[in-house]
N, C-alpha and C. Protein backbone atom coordinates (compact mmCIF):
# COMPACT_ATOMS: atom_id res chain seq x y z
N UNK A 1 20.46 16.56 13.62
CA UNK A 1 21.06 16.30 12.33
C UNK A 1 20.28 15.17 11.66
N UNK A 2 19.88 15.38 10.43
CA UNK A 2 19.13 14.36 9.71
C UNK A 2 20.06 13.51 8.89
N UNK A 3 19.55 12.36 8.45
CA UNK A 3 20.36 11.49 7.61
C UNK A 3 20.71 12.16 6.28
N UNK A 4 19.87 13.11 5.85
CA UNK A 4 20.14 13.81 4.59
C UNK A 4 21.36 14.72 4.73
N UNK A 5 21.63 15.22 5.94
CA UNK A 5 22.80 16.08 6.14
C UNK A 5 24.04 15.29 6.48
N UNK A 6 23.90 14.00 6.70
CA UNK A 6 25.05 13.14 7.02
C UNK A 6 25.66 12.51 5.78
N UNK A 7 25.26 12.95 4.62
CA UNK A 7 25.83 12.41 3.39
C UNK A 7 25.11 11.19 2.85
N UNK A 8 23.97 10.81 3.45
CA UNK A 8 23.22 9.66 2.95
C UNK A 8 22.70 9.98 1.56
N UNK A 9 22.78 9.02 0.66
CA UNK A 9 22.37 9.22 -0.73
C UNK A 9 20.91 8.89 -0.97
N UNK A 10 20.26 8.25 -0.05
CA UNK A 10 18.87 7.86 -0.24
C UNK A 10 18.75 6.35 -0.29
N UNK A 11 17.53 5.86 -0.26
CA UNK A 11 17.32 4.41 -0.25
C UNK A 11 17.69 3.78 -1.60
N UNK A 12 17.91 2.47 -1.56
CA UNK A 12 18.13 1.73 -2.81
C UNK A 12 16.90 1.87 -3.68
N UNK A 13 17.10 1.81 -4.96
CA UNK A 13 15.98 1.97 -5.89
C UNK A 13 15.92 0.78 -6.84
N UNK A 14 14.73 0.48 -7.32
CA UNK A 14 14.54 -0.53 -8.35
C UNK A 14 13.70 0.09 -9.47
N UNK A 15 13.86 -0.43 -10.65
CA UNK A 15 13.05 0.04 -11.76
C UNK A 15 11.66 -0.59 -11.71
N UNK A 16 10.65 0.22 -12.00
CA UNK A 16 9.28 -0.27 -12.08
C UNK A 16 8.64 0.37 -13.30
N UNK A 17 8.18 -0.47 -14.20
CA UNK A 17 7.45 0.01 -15.37
C UNK A 17 6.01 0.24 -14.95
N UNK A 18 5.42 1.36 -15.37
CA UNK A 18 4.06 1.72 -14.99
C UNK A 18 3.24 1.96 -16.24
N UNK A 19 2.06 1.38 -16.27
CA UNK A 19 1.11 1.62 -17.36
C UNK A 19 -0.10 2.33 -16.77
N UNK A 20 -0.40 3.52 -17.28
CA UNK A 20 -1.60 4.23 -16.85
C UNK A 20 -2.77 3.75 -17.69
N UNK A 21 -3.91 3.50 -17.05
CA UNK A 21 -5.11 3.00 -17.71
C UNK A 21 -6.17 4.10 -17.75
N UNK A 22 -7.02 4.03 -18.75
CA UNK A 22 -8.07 5.03 -18.95
C UNK A 22 -7.48 6.44 -18.90
N UNK A 23 -7.99 7.32 -18.06
CA UNK A 23 -7.50 8.70 -17.99
C UNK A 23 -6.61 8.92 -16.76
N UNK A 24 -5.98 7.86 -16.27
CA UNK A 24 -5.18 7.96 -15.06
C UNK A 24 -3.98 8.88 -15.22
N UNK A 25 -3.41 8.99 -16.41
CA UNK A 25 -2.25 9.86 -16.59
C UNK A 25 -2.60 11.29 -16.20
N UNK A 26 -3.80 11.73 -16.52
CA UNK A 26 -4.24 13.08 -16.14
C UNK A 26 -4.44 13.18 -14.63
N UNK A 27 -4.98 12.14 -14.02
CA UNK A 27 -5.20 12.15 -12.57
C UNK A 27 -3.88 12.20 -11.82
N UNK A 28 -2.87 11.51 -12.34
CA UNK A 28 -1.57 11.48 -11.68
C UNK A 28 -0.66 12.64 -12.08
N UNK A 29 -1.13 13.53 -12.95
CA UNK A 29 -0.32 14.68 -13.36
C UNK A 29 -0.11 15.60 -12.15
N UNK A 30 0.86 16.48 -12.27
CA UNK A 30 1.13 17.41 -11.16
C UNK A 30 -0.09 18.27 -10.90
N UNK A 31 -0.39 18.42 -9.61
CA UNK A 31 -1.53 19.23 -9.20
C UNK A 31 -1.21 19.99 -7.94
N UNK A 32 -2.25 20.46 -7.28
CA UNK A 32 -2.10 21.29 -6.08
C UNK A 32 -1.39 20.56 -4.95
N UNK A 33 -1.57 19.24 -4.87
CA UNK A 33 -0.94 18.48 -3.77
C UNK A 33 0.31 17.73 -4.23
N UNK A 34 0.95 18.21 -5.26
CA UNK A 34 2.21 17.62 -5.69
C UNK A 34 2.06 16.76 -6.93
N UNK A 35 3.18 16.16 -7.37
CA UNK A 35 3.16 15.30 -8.55
C UNK A 35 2.63 13.92 -8.17
N UNK A 36 1.86 13.35 -9.04
CA UNK A 36 1.14 12.12 -8.82
C UNK A 36 1.90 10.91 -8.36
N UNK A 37 2.37 10.09 -9.27
CA UNK A 37 2.98 8.81 -8.91
C UNK A 37 4.47 9.03 -8.70
N UNK A 38 4.81 9.54 -7.53
CA UNK A 38 6.20 9.83 -7.19
C UNK A 38 6.33 9.77 -5.68
N UNK A 39 7.56 9.63 -5.22
CA UNK A 39 7.82 9.68 -3.79
C UNK A 39 7.76 11.14 -3.34
N UNK A 40 7.03 11.42 -2.27
CA UNK A 40 6.82 12.79 -1.81
C UNK A 40 8.10 13.44 -1.29
N UNK A 41 8.96 12.65 -0.68
CA UNK A 41 10.22 13.17 -0.15
C UNK A 41 11.33 12.19 -0.53
N UNK A 42 12.59 12.58 -0.39
CA UNK A 42 13.68 11.66 -0.75
C UNK A 42 13.67 10.35 0.04
N UNK A 43 13.07 10.32 1.23
CA UNK A 43 13.06 9.10 2.04
C UNK A 43 11.65 8.52 2.21
N UNK A 44 10.68 8.96 1.42
CA UNK A 44 9.34 8.36 1.48
C UNK A 44 9.40 6.92 1.00
N UNK A 45 8.78 6.02 1.74
CA UNK A 45 8.78 4.61 1.37
C UNK A 45 7.76 4.31 0.28
N UNK A 46 6.63 4.99 0.30
CA UNK A 46 5.54 4.64 -0.60
C UNK A 46 5.25 5.66 -1.67
N UNK A 47 4.60 5.17 -2.72
CA UNK A 47 4.04 6.00 -3.78
C UNK A 47 2.55 6.14 -3.49
N UNK A 48 2.02 7.35 -3.56
CA UNK A 48 0.59 7.54 -3.30
C UNK A 48 -0.23 7.03 -4.48
N UNK A 49 -1.20 6.17 -4.17
CA UNK A 49 -2.15 5.69 -5.17
C UNK A 49 -3.41 6.55 -5.08
N UNK A 50 -3.97 6.88 -6.24
CA UNK A 50 -5.12 7.78 -6.30
C UNK A 50 -6.37 7.07 -6.82
N UNK A 51 -7.51 7.52 -6.34
CA UNK A 51 -8.79 6.99 -6.81
C UNK A 51 -8.97 7.38 -8.27
N UNK A 52 -9.25 6.39 -9.10
CA UNK A 52 -9.36 6.63 -10.54
C UNK A 52 -10.66 5.99 -11.05
N UNK A 53 -11.76 6.68 -10.82
CA UNK A 53 -13.07 6.19 -11.29
C UNK A 53 -13.77 7.31 -12.03
N UNK A 54 -14.83 6.97 -12.77
CA UNK A 54 -15.52 7.95 -13.62
C UNK A 54 -16.31 8.98 -12.83
N UNK A 55 -16.91 8.57 -11.72
CA UNK A 55 -17.72 9.49 -10.93
C UNK A 55 -16.84 10.54 -10.27
N UNK A 56 -17.47 11.65 -9.86
CA UNK A 56 -16.72 12.68 -9.12
C UNK A 56 -16.42 12.20 -7.70
N UNK A 57 -17.38 11.53 -7.07
CA UNK A 57 -17.18 10.97 -5.72
C UNK A 57 -17.93 9.66 -5.61
N UNK A 58 -17.49 8.84 -4.68
CA UNK A 58 -18.24 7.65 -4.29
C UNK A 58 -18.37 7.70 -2.77
N UNK A 59 -19.39 7.03 -2.25
CA UNK A 59 -19.57 7.00 -0.80
C UNK A 59 -19.42 5.57 -0.30
N UNK A 60 -18.90 5.47 0.91
CA UNK A 60 -18.73 4.17 1.56
C UNK A 60 -19.45 4.25 2.91
N UNK A 61 -20.52 3.49 3.08
CA UNK A 61 -21.24 3.50 4.35
C UNK A 61 -20.39 2.94 5.50
N UNK A 62 -20.74 3.26 6.74
CA UNK A 62 -19.99 2.73 7.89
C UNK A 62 -19.94 1.20 7.86
N UNK A 63 -18.77 0.65 8.11
CA UNK A 63 -18.60 -0.80 8.16
C UNK A 63 -18.55 -1.48 6.81
N UNK A 64 -18.70 -0.74 5.73
CA UNK A 64 -18.69 -1.31 4.39
C UNK A 64 -17.32 -1.11 3.74
N UNK A 65 -17.10 -1.84 2.65
CA UNK A 65 -15.85 -1.71 1.91
C UNK A 65 -16.17 -1.48 0.44
N UNK A 66 -15.20 -0.92 -0.26
CA UNK A 66 -15.37 -0.63 -1.68
C UNK A 66 -14.03 -0.84 -2.38
N UNK A 67 -14.03 -1.58 -3.48
CA UNK A 67 -12.83 -1.79 -4.29
C UNK A 67 -12.70 -0.62 -5.25
N UNK A 68 -11.64 0.15 -5.08
CA UNK A 68 -11.46 1.37 -5.85
C UNK A 68 -10.30 1.20 -6.83
N UNK A 69 -10.56 1.41 -8.14
CA UNK A 69 -9.47 1.31 -9.11
C UNK A 69 -8.54 2.50 -8.98
N UNK A 70 -7.23 2.25 -9.23
CA UNK A 70 -6.26 3.34 -9.14
C UNK A 70 -5.66 3.69 -10.50
N UNK A 71 -6.09 3.02 -11.56
CA UNK A 71 -5.67 3.38 -12.90
C UNK A 71 -4.23 3.07 -13.24
N UNK A 72 -3.63 2.15 -12.50
CA UNK A 72 -2.21 1.85 -12.67
C UNK A 72 -2.01 0.34 -12.72
N UNK A 73 -1.15 -0.11 -13.63
CA UNK A 73 -0.65 -1.48 -13.66
C UNK A 73 0.87 -1.37 -13.61
N UNK A 74 1.52 -2.34 -12.96
CA UNK A 74 2.96 -2.21 -12.74
C UNK A 74 3.72 -3.46 -13.18
N UNK A 75 5.01 -3.28 -13.41
CA UNK A 75 5.91 -4.38 -13.73
C UNK A 75 7.27 -4.07 -13.07
N UNK A 76 7.52 -4.64 -11.88
CA UNK A 76 8.84 -4.44 -11.27
C UNK A 76 9.90 -5.11 -12.12
N UNK A 77 11.06 -4.47 -12.25
CA UNK A 77 12.14 -5.05 -13.04
C UNK A 77 12.89 -6.14 -12.28
N UNK A 78 12.64 -6.26 -10.99
CA UNK A 78 13.25 -7.29 -10.15
C UNK A 78 12.12 -8.23 -9.71
N UNK A 79 12.23 -9.51 -10.04
CA UNK A 79 11.11 -10.42 -9.81
C UNK A 79 10.95 -10.92 -8.37
N UNK A 80 11.91 -10.66 -7.49
CA UNK A 80 11.67 -11.06 -6.10
C UNK A 80 11.24 -9.85 -5.26
N UNK A 81 10.66 -8.86 -5.95
CA UNK A 81 10.12 -7.68 -5.29
C UNK A 81 8.64 -7.59 -5.66
N UNK A 82 7.81 -7.38 -4.64
CA UNK A 82 6.37 -7.25 -4.86
C UNK A 82 5.93 -5.87 -4.37
N UNK A 83 4.78 -5.45 -4.83
CA UNK A 83 4.18 -4.21 -4.34
C UNK A 83 3.26 -4.54 -3.18
N UNK A 84 3.32 -3.73 -2.14
CA UNK A 84 2.46 -3.91 -0.98
C UNK A 84 1.67 -2.63 -0.79
N UNK A 85 0.35 -2.76 -0.71
CA UNK A 85 -0.54 -1.60 -0.60
C UNK A 85 -0.91 -1.42 0.87
N UNK A 86 -0.53 -0.27 1.40
CA UNK A 86 -0.77 0.07 2.81
C UNK A 86 -1.74 1.24 2.90
N UNK A 87 -2.40 1.34 4.05
CA UNK A 87 -3.26 2.49 4.31
C UNK A 87 -2.43 3.76 4.40
N UNK A 88 -3.03 4.87 4.06
CA UNK A 88 -2.42 6.18 4.32
C UNK A 88 -2.78 6.55 5.74
N UNK A 89 -1.81 6.90 6.55
CA UNK A 89 -2.05 7.11 7.97
C UNK A 89 -3.09 8.19 8.25
N UNK A 90 -3.04 9.30 7.54
CA UNK A 90 -4.00 10.37 7.76
C UNK A 90 -5.42 9.96 7.40
N UNK A 91 -5.58 9.24 6.31
CA UNK A 91 -6.90 8.81 5.86
C UNK A 91 -7.51 7.85 6.88
N UNK A 92 -6.69 6.96 7.43
CA UNK A 92 -7.18 6.03 8.43
C UNK A 92 -7.47 6.69 9.76
N UNK A 93 -6.56 7.53 10.21
CA UNK A 93 -6.70 8.17 11.51
C UNK A 93 -7.79 9.23 11.53
N UNK A 94 -7.82 10.06 10.52
CA UNK A 94 -8.77 11.18 10.51
C UNK A 94 -10.14 10.82 9.99
N UNK A 95 -10.21 9.89 9.02
CA UNK A 95 -11.49 9.59 8.39
C UNK A 95 -11.94 8.15 8.53
N UNK A 96 -11.08 7.28 9.07
CA UNK A 96 -11.47 5.89 9.28
C UNK A 96 -11.49 5.05 8.02
N UNK A 97 -10.80 5.47 6.97
CA UNK A 97 -10.74 4.70 5.73
C UNK A 97 -9.39 3.99 5.66
N UNK A 98 -9.42 2.66 5.73
CA UNK A 98 -8.20 1.85 5.76
C UNK A 98 -8.26 0.77 4.69
N UNK A 99 -7.11 0.21 4.34
CA UNK A 99 -7.07 -0.93 3.42
C UNK A 99 -7.76 -2.09 4.12
N UNK A 100 -8.79 -2.63 3.50
CA UNK A 100 -9.67 -3.58 4.20
C UNK A 100 -9.01 -4.87 4.64
N UNK A 101 -8.04 -5.36 3.91
CA UNK A 101 -7.41 -6.63 4.29
C UNK A 101 -6.13 -6.40 5.07
N UNK A 102 -5.89 -5.18 5.54
CA UNK A 102 -4.67 -4.85 6.26
C UNK A 102 -3.60 -4.39 5.32
N UNK A 103 -3.10 -5.29 4.50
CA UNK A 103 -2.10 -4.97 3.47
C UNK A 103 -2.48 -5.74 2.21
N UNK A 104 -2.48 -5.06 1.08
CA UNK A 104 -2.72 -5.73 -0.18
C UNK A 104 -1.39 -6.10 -0.82
N UNK A 105 -1.33 -7.26 -1.45
CA UNK A 105 -0.11 -7.73 -2.09
C UNK A 105 -0.30 -7.72 -3.60
N UNK A 106 0.63 -7.05 -4.29
CA UNK A 106 0.63 -7.05 -5.75
C UNK A 106 1.81 -7.91 -6.18
N UNK A 107 1.51 -9.14 -6.60
CA UNK A 107 2.55 -10.07 -7.01
C UNK A 107 3.33 -9.51 -8.20
N UNK A 108 4.62 -9.81 -8.29
CA UNK A 108 5.43 -9.23 -9.37
C UNK A 108 5.04 -9.70 -10.76
N UNK A 109 4.28 -10.79 -10.87
CA UNK A 109 3.86 -11.25 -12.19
C UNK A 109 2.44 -10.82 -12.54
N UNK A 110 1.79 -10.01 -11.69
CA UNK A 110 0.45 -9.49 -11.97
C UNK A 110 0.57 -8.26 -12.85
N UNK A 111 -0.17 -8.22 -13.95
CA UNK A 111 -0.09 -7.10 -14.88
C UNK A 111 -1.41 -6.34 -15.02
N UNK A 112 -2.41 -6.68 -14.22
CA UNK A 112 -3.69 -5.99 -14.29
C UNK A 112 -3.71 -4.73 -13.46
N UNK A 113 -4.83 -4.04 -13.52
CA UNK A 113 -4.99 -2.80 -12.76
C UNK A 113 -4.99 -3.09 -11.26
N UNK A 114 -4.35 -2.22 -10.52
CA UNK A 114 -4.37 -2.30 -9.06
C UNK A 114 -5.68 -1.71 -8.56
N UNK A 115 -6.31 -2.41 -7.64
CA UNK A 115 -7.49 -1.92 -6.94
C UNK A 115 -7.15 -1.85 -5.46
N UNK A 116 -7.69 -0.87 -4.78
CA UNK A 116 -7.52 -0.75 -3.34
C UNK A 116 -8.88 -0.96 -2.70
N UNK A 117 -8.98 -1.95 -1.84
CA UNK A 117 -10.22 -2.20 -1.11
C UNK A 117 -10.18 -1.38 0.17
N UNK A 118 -11.00 -0.31 0.19
CA UNK A 118 -11.06 0.54 1.37
C UNK A 118 -12.21 0.11 2.27
N UNK A 119 -11.95 0.08 3.56
CA UNK A 119 -12.95 -0.24 4.58
C UNK A 119 -13.22 1.02 5.38
N UNK A 120 -14.50 1.35 5.54
CA UNK A 120 -14.90 2.49 6.36
C UNK A 120 -15.06 2.02 7.79
N UNK A 121 -14.08 2.31 8.63
CA UNK A 121 -14.12 1.89 10.04
C UNK A 121 -14.77 2.95 10.92
N UNK A 122 -15.21 4.06 10.33
CA UNK A 122 -15.85 5.12 11.12
C UNK A 122 -17.33 4.80 11.30
N UNK A 123 -18.00 5.59 12.07
CA UNK A 123 -19.43 5.42 12.27
C UNK A 123 -20.26 6.28 11.33
N UNK A 124 -19.61 6.91 10.34
CA UNK A 124 -20.30 7.81 9.43
C UNK A 124 -20.04 7.43 7.98
N UNK A 125 -20.94 7.84 7.09
CA UNK A 125 -20.72 7.65 5.66
C UNK A 125 -19.51 8.51 5.27
N UNK A 126 -18.62 7.94 4.49
CA UNK A 126 -17.43 8.66 4.03
C UNK A 126 -17.44 8.72 2.51
N UNK A 127 -16.91 9.82 1.97
CA UNK A 127 -16.81 10.00 0.52
C UNK A 127 -15.35 9.95 0.10
N UNK A 128 -15.13 9.42 -1.09
CA UNK A 128 -13.82 9.43 -1.72
C UNK A 128 -13.99 10.19 -3.03
N UNK A 129 -13.11 11.15 -3.26
CA UNK A 129 -13.18 11.99 -4.44
C UNK A 129 -12.23 11.47 -5.51
N UNK A 130 -12.66 11.55 -6.75
CA UNK A 130 -11.82 11.16 -7.89
C UNK A 130 -10.50 11.91 -7.81
N UNK A 131 -9.38 11.18 -7.91
CA UNK A 131 -8.05 11.77 -7.85
C UNK A 131 -7.46 11.84 -6.45
N UNK A 132 -8.27 11.55 -5.43
CA UNK A 132 -7.79 11.62 -4.04
C UNK A 132 -6.77 10.52 -3.76
N UNK A 133 -5.77 10.83 -2.95
CA UNK A 133 -4.79 9.84 -2.54
C UNK A 133 -5.45 8.90 -1.52
N UNK A 134 -5.47 7.59 -1.83
CA UNK A 134 -6.22 6.65 -0.99
C UNK A 134 -5.38 5.57 -0.33
N UNK A 135 -4.18 5.35 -0.80
CA UNK A 135 -3.32 4.29 -0.24
C UNK A 135 -1.90 4.57 -0.70
N UNK A 136 -0.97 3.78 -0.18
CA UNK A 136 0.42 3.92 -0.64
C UNK A 136 0.96 2.57 -1.07
N UNK A 137 1.77 2.60 -2.11
CA UNK A 137 2.37 1.41 -2.69
C UNK A 137 3.84 1.38 -2.32
N UNK A 138 4.25 0.32 -1.62
CA UNK A 138 5.63 0.15 -1.18
C UNK A 138 6.18 -1.11 -1.82
N UNK A 139 7.39 -1.03 -2.35
CA UNK A 139 8.03 -2.19 -2.97
C UNK A 139 8.97 -2.83 -1.96
N UNK A 140 8.81 -4.16 -1.78
CA UNK A 140 9.61 -4.88 -0.81
C UNK A 140 10.02 -6.23 -1.37
N UNK A 141 11.21 -6.71 -0.98
CA UNK A 141 11.61 -8.06 -1.40
C UNK A 141 10.80 -9.10 -0.63
N UNK A 142 10.68 -10.26 -1.21
CA UNK A 142 9.98 -11.36 -0.54
C UNK A 142 10.71 -12.66 -0.84
N UNK A 143 10.39 -13.67 -0.07
CA UNK A 143 10.98 -14.99 -0.25
C UNK A 143 9.86 -16.01 -0.36
N UNK A 144 10.01 -16.99 -1.24
CA UNK A 144 9.10 -18.13 -1.28
C UNK A 144 9.67 -19.21 -0.38
N UNK A 145 8.79 -19.99 0.22
CA UNK A 145 9.23 -21.02 1.17
C UNK A 145 9.43 -22.36 0.48
N UNK A 146 10.51 -23.04 0.81
CA UNK A 146 10.71 -24.44 0.47
C UNK A 146 10.26 -25.22 1.71
N UNK A 147 9.15 -25.91 1.61
CA UNK A 147 8.51 -26.56 2.75
C UNK A 147 9.16 -27.90 3.05
N UNK A 148 9.49 -28.11 4.33
CA UNK A 148 9.98 -29.39 4.83
C UNK A 148 9.05 -29.83 5.95
N UNK A 149 8.32 -30.88 5.74
CA UNK A 149 7.41 -31.39 6.77
C UNK A 149 8.25 -32.20 7.76
N UNK A 150 8.11 -31.86 9.06
CA UNK A 150 8.89 -32.53 10.11
C UNK A 150 7.95 -32.95 11.24
N UNK A 151 8.43 -33.82 12.09
CA UNK A 151 7.66 -34.27 13.25
C UNK A 151 7.79 -33.30 14.43
N UNK A 152 8.94 -32.62 14.53
CA UNK A 152 9.17 -31.68 15.63
C UNK A 152 9.90 -30.46 15.11
N UNK A 153 9.71 -29.33 15.83
CA UNK A 153 10.41 -28.10 15.53
C UNK A 153 11.44 -27.84 16.62
N UNK A 154 12.44 -27.01 16.34
CA UNK A 154 13.48 -26.71 17.32
C UNK A 154 12.93 -25.98 18.53
N UNK A 155 13.61 -26.15 19.67
CA UNK A 155 13.21 -25.50 20.92
C UNK A 155 13.65 -24.04 20.93
N UNK A 156 12.83 -23.20 21.56
CA UNK A 156 13.17 -21.80 21.80
C UNK A 156 12.71 -21.43 23.21
N UNK A 157 13.13 -20.29 23.70
CA UNK A 157 12.68 -19.82 25.02
C UNK A 157 11.17 -19.62 25.00
N UNK A 158 10.66 -19.07 23.95
CA UNK A 158 9.21 -18.82 23.85
C UNK A 158 8.42 -20.10 23.67
N UNK A 159 8.95 -21.01 22.87
CA UNK A 159 8.22 -22.24 22.60
C UNK A 159 6.91 -21.97 21.89
N UNK A 160 5.83 -22.59 22.37
CA UNK A 160 4.51 -22.45 21.76
C UNK A 160 3.69 -21.35 22.42
N UNK A 161 4.31 -20.51 23.25
CA UNK A 161 3.57 -19.44 23.93
C UNK A 161 2.96 -18.48 22.92
N UNK A 162 1.66 -18.35 22.96
CA UNK A 162 0.94 -17.51 22.00
C UNK A 162 0.54 -16.17 22.59
N UNK A 163 -0.66 -15.72 22.25
CA UNK A 163 -1.15 -14.42 22.70
C UNK A 163 -1.04 -14.31 24.22
N UNK A 164 -0.44 -13.23 24.68
CA UNK A 164 -0.34 -12.96 26.11
C UNK A 164 0.62 -13.85 26.85
N UNK A 165 1.53 -14.53 26.18
CA UNK A 165 2.40 -15.51 26.83
C UNK A 165 3.37 -14.85 27.83
N UNK A 166 3.61 -13.54 27.69
CA UNK A 166 4.54 -12.90 28.61
C UNK A 166 3.83 -12.38 29.85
N UNK A 167 2.52 -12.40 29.84
CA UNK A 167 1.76 -11.87 30.97
C UNK A 167 1.55 -10.37 30.86
N UNK A 168 2.16 -9.73 29.90
CA UNK A 168 2.00 -8.29 29.70
C UNK A 168 0.78 -8.03 28.84
N UNK A 169 0.13 -6.92 29.11
CA UNK A 169 -1.03 -6.56 28.33
C UNK A 169 -0.64 -5.74 27.13
């Protein structure tokens, strides 16, 4: 039994204003692989971001990275929510193309075009085609820290145990 059959209504939603840049509206239009800037299923966390450049394809040599424009600027209606750009699992697993910094953060007050920095972790030259889905954009709440400088921190069972502190590999 899935959550959809248990009467679940779906995840909470927030409003996000989207501005398409250059010819991105055409790139994000409905096509063979579904509608562009939308959640693929009722419980999909991310929106697929697409490569939006003038060339038909670009190549990324092994070990290199490339900042790829996605033709989209955003404005979340809730200011303690930011956009987080994650790798697409299939693109990373099958082709070795991942978000180069791990996760990209789109601050809620940023109004410029989103770029995705892809890193080619494979041993081969990889191509990205115009309009291809290259990353996913997930909206998440965040908190800013109020810093208190102290001489000591509270005790815990773990304490200062870092990498490998449990002895497990």
